[in-house]
Amino acid sequence: MIQFNAIKVHDLVYLDSEGIVPGWFLVTGVSQKVKFFTATQLGYDIRPVMVPSDRMGAIRKHIRAIAV
């Protein structure tokens, strides 16, 4: 499982969880204090989803922005 501290702004994550449409998301914000991150689905102009640290199992794949 991917650790919360590994997620940074501009990373790409593949989310697949109940309540979230599966797909690739761009991380747009990370709150270390409250322990959640926001992400916007690629290709869609919809509001960002908020993923709390206790739902890190929703992340199936993670690509660091530096790797791109």
C-alpha atoms as a PDB file:
ATOM      1  CA  MET A   1       0.000   0.000   0.000  1.00  0.00           C
ATOM      2  CA  ILE A   2       1.195   3.509  -0.789  1.00  0.00           C
ATOM      3  CA  GLN A   3       2.023   5.674   2.229  1.00  0.00           C
ATOM      4  CA  PHE A   4       0.399   9.105   2.647  1.00  0.00           C
ATOM      5  CA  ASN A   5       3.783  10.829   2.958  1.00  0.00           C
ATOM      6  CA  ALA A   6       4.725   9.620  -0.550  1.00  0.00           C
ATOM      7  CA  ILE A   7       1.975  11.707  -2.190  1.00  0.00           C
ATOM      8  CA  LYS A   8       3.064  15.149  -3.438  1.00  0.00           C
ATOM      9  CA  VAL A   9       1.422  17.916  -5.509  1.00  0.00           C
ATOM     10  CA  HIS A  10       1.470  17.205  -9.288  1.00  0.00           C
ATOM     11  CA  ASP A  11       1.822  13.429  -8.822  1.00  0.00           C
ATOM     12  CA  LEU A  12      -0.423  11.150 -10.857  1.00  0.00           C
ATOM     13  CA  VAL A  13      -2.524   8.559  -9.027  1.00  0.00           C
ATOM     14  CA  TYR A  14      -4.922   5.916 -10.297  1.00  0.00           C
ATOM     15  CA  LEU A  15      -7.900   5.842  -7.944  1.00  0.00           C
ATOM     16  CA  ASP A  16     -10.417   3.020  -7.812  1.00  0.00           C
ATOM     17  CA  SER A  17     -12.744   3.048  -4.831  1.00  0.00           C
ATOM     18  CA  GLU A  18     -16.392   3.110  -3.914  1.00  0.00           C
ATOM     19  CA  GLY A  19     -17.756   6.601  -4.520  1.00  0.00           C
ATOM     20  CA  ILE A  20     -14.948   7.546  -6.925  1.00  0.00           C
ATOM     21  CA  VAL A  21     -15.080   7.018 -10.693  1.00  0.00           C
ATOM     22  CA  PRO A  22     -11.974   4.924 -11.512  1.00  0.00           C
ATOM     23  CA  GLY A  23      -9.273   6.704 -13.461  1.00  0.00           C
ATOM     24  CA  TRP A  24      -6.101   8.766 -13.415  1.00  0.00           C
ATOM     25  CA  PHE A  25      -6.060  11.852 -11.194  1.00  0.00           C
ATOM     26  CA  LEU A  26      -3.640  14.761 -10.794  1.00  0.00           C
ATOM     27  CA  VAL A  27      -2.891  15.633  -7.169  1.00  0.00           C
ATOM     28  CA  THR A  28      -3.731  19.323  -6.741  1.00  0.00           C
ATOM     29  CA  GLY A  29      -3.186  19.757  -3.011  1.00  0.00           C
ATOM     30  CA  VAL A  30      -1.853  17.968   0.049  1.00  0.00           C
ATOM     31  CA  SER A  31      -2.663  18.800   3.668  1.00  0.00           C
ATOM     32  CA  GLN A  32      -0.065  17.323   6.018  1.00  0.00           C
ATOM     33  CA  LYS A  33      -1.836  18.817   9.040  1.00  0.00           C
ATOM     34  CA  VAL A  34      -5.286  17.299   8.369  1.00  0.00           C
ATOM     35  CA  LYS A  35      -3.903  14.276   6.419  1.00  0.00           C
ATOM     36  CA  PHE A  36      -5.773  14.388   3.095  1.00  0.00           C
ATOM     37  CA  PHE A  37      -5.061  15.211  -0.526  1.00  0.00           C
ATOM     38  CA  THR A  38      -7.222  16.597  -3.312  1.00  0.00           C
ATOM     39  CA  ALA A  39      -7.058  15.374  -6.894  1.00  0.00           C
ATOM     40  CA  THR A  40      -8.745  16.226 -10.189  1.00  0.00           C
ATOM     41  CA  GLN A  41      -9.553  13.519 -12.725  1.00  0.00           C
ATOM     42  CA  LEU A  42      -7.646  13.876 -15.976  1.00  0.00           C
ATOM     43  CA  GLY A  43      -9.831  14.732 -18.957  1.00  0.00           C
ATOM     44  CA  TYR A  44     -12.790  15.938 -16.911  1.00  0.00           C
ATOM     45  CA  ASP A  45     -13.731  19.412 -15.716  1.00  0.00           C
ATOM     46  CA  ILE A  46     -15.326  18.423 -12.424  1.00  0.00           C
ATOM     47  CA  ARG A  47     -14.641  19.365  -8.837  1.00  0.00           C
ATOM     48  CA  PRO A  48     -11.664  17.702  -7.179  1.00  0.00           C
ATOM     49  CA  VAL A  49     -12.101  14.667  -4.947  1.00  0.00           C
ATOM     50  CA  MET A  50     -10.750  14.634  -1.406  1.00  0.00           C
ATOM     51  CA  VAL A  51      -8.939  11.483  -0.306  1.00  0.00           C
ATOM     52  CA  PRO A  52      -8.257  11.200   3.445  1.00  0.00           C
ATOM     53  CA  SER A  53      -5.216   9.297   4.676  1.00  0.00           C
ATOM     54  CA  ASP A  54      -7.386   6.419   5.959  1.00  0.00           C
ATOM     55  CA  ARG A  55      -8.521   5.678   2.353  1.00  0.00           C
ATOM     56  CA  MET A  56      -5.047   5.231   0.866  1.00  0.00           C
ATOM     57  CA  GLY A  57      -6.153   1.779  -0.323  1.00  0.00           C
ATOM     58  CA  ALA A  58      -8.064   3.584  -3.094  1.00  0.00           C
ATOM     59  CA  ILE A  59      -4.735   4.311  -4.810  1.00  0.00           C
ATOM     60  CA  ARG A  60      -3.920   1.503  -7.219  1.00  0.00           C
ATOM     61  CA  LYS A  61      -0.942   3.177  -8.985  1.00  0.00           C
ATOM     62  CA  HIS A  62       1.238   6.177  -8.182  1.00  0.00           C
ATOM     63  CA  ILE A  63       3.602   8.073 -10.492  1.00  0.00           C
ATOM     64  CA  ARG A  64       5.806  10.779  -8.997  1.00  0.00           C
ATOM     65  CA  ALA A  65       5.883  14.081 -10.890  1.00  0.00           C
ATOM     66  CA  ILE A  66       9.690  13.933 -10.948  1.00  0.00           C
ATOM     67  CA  ALA A  67       9.517  10.624 -12.862  1.00  0.00           C
ATOM     68  CA  VAL A  68       7.496  12.134 -15.728  1.00  0.00           C
END
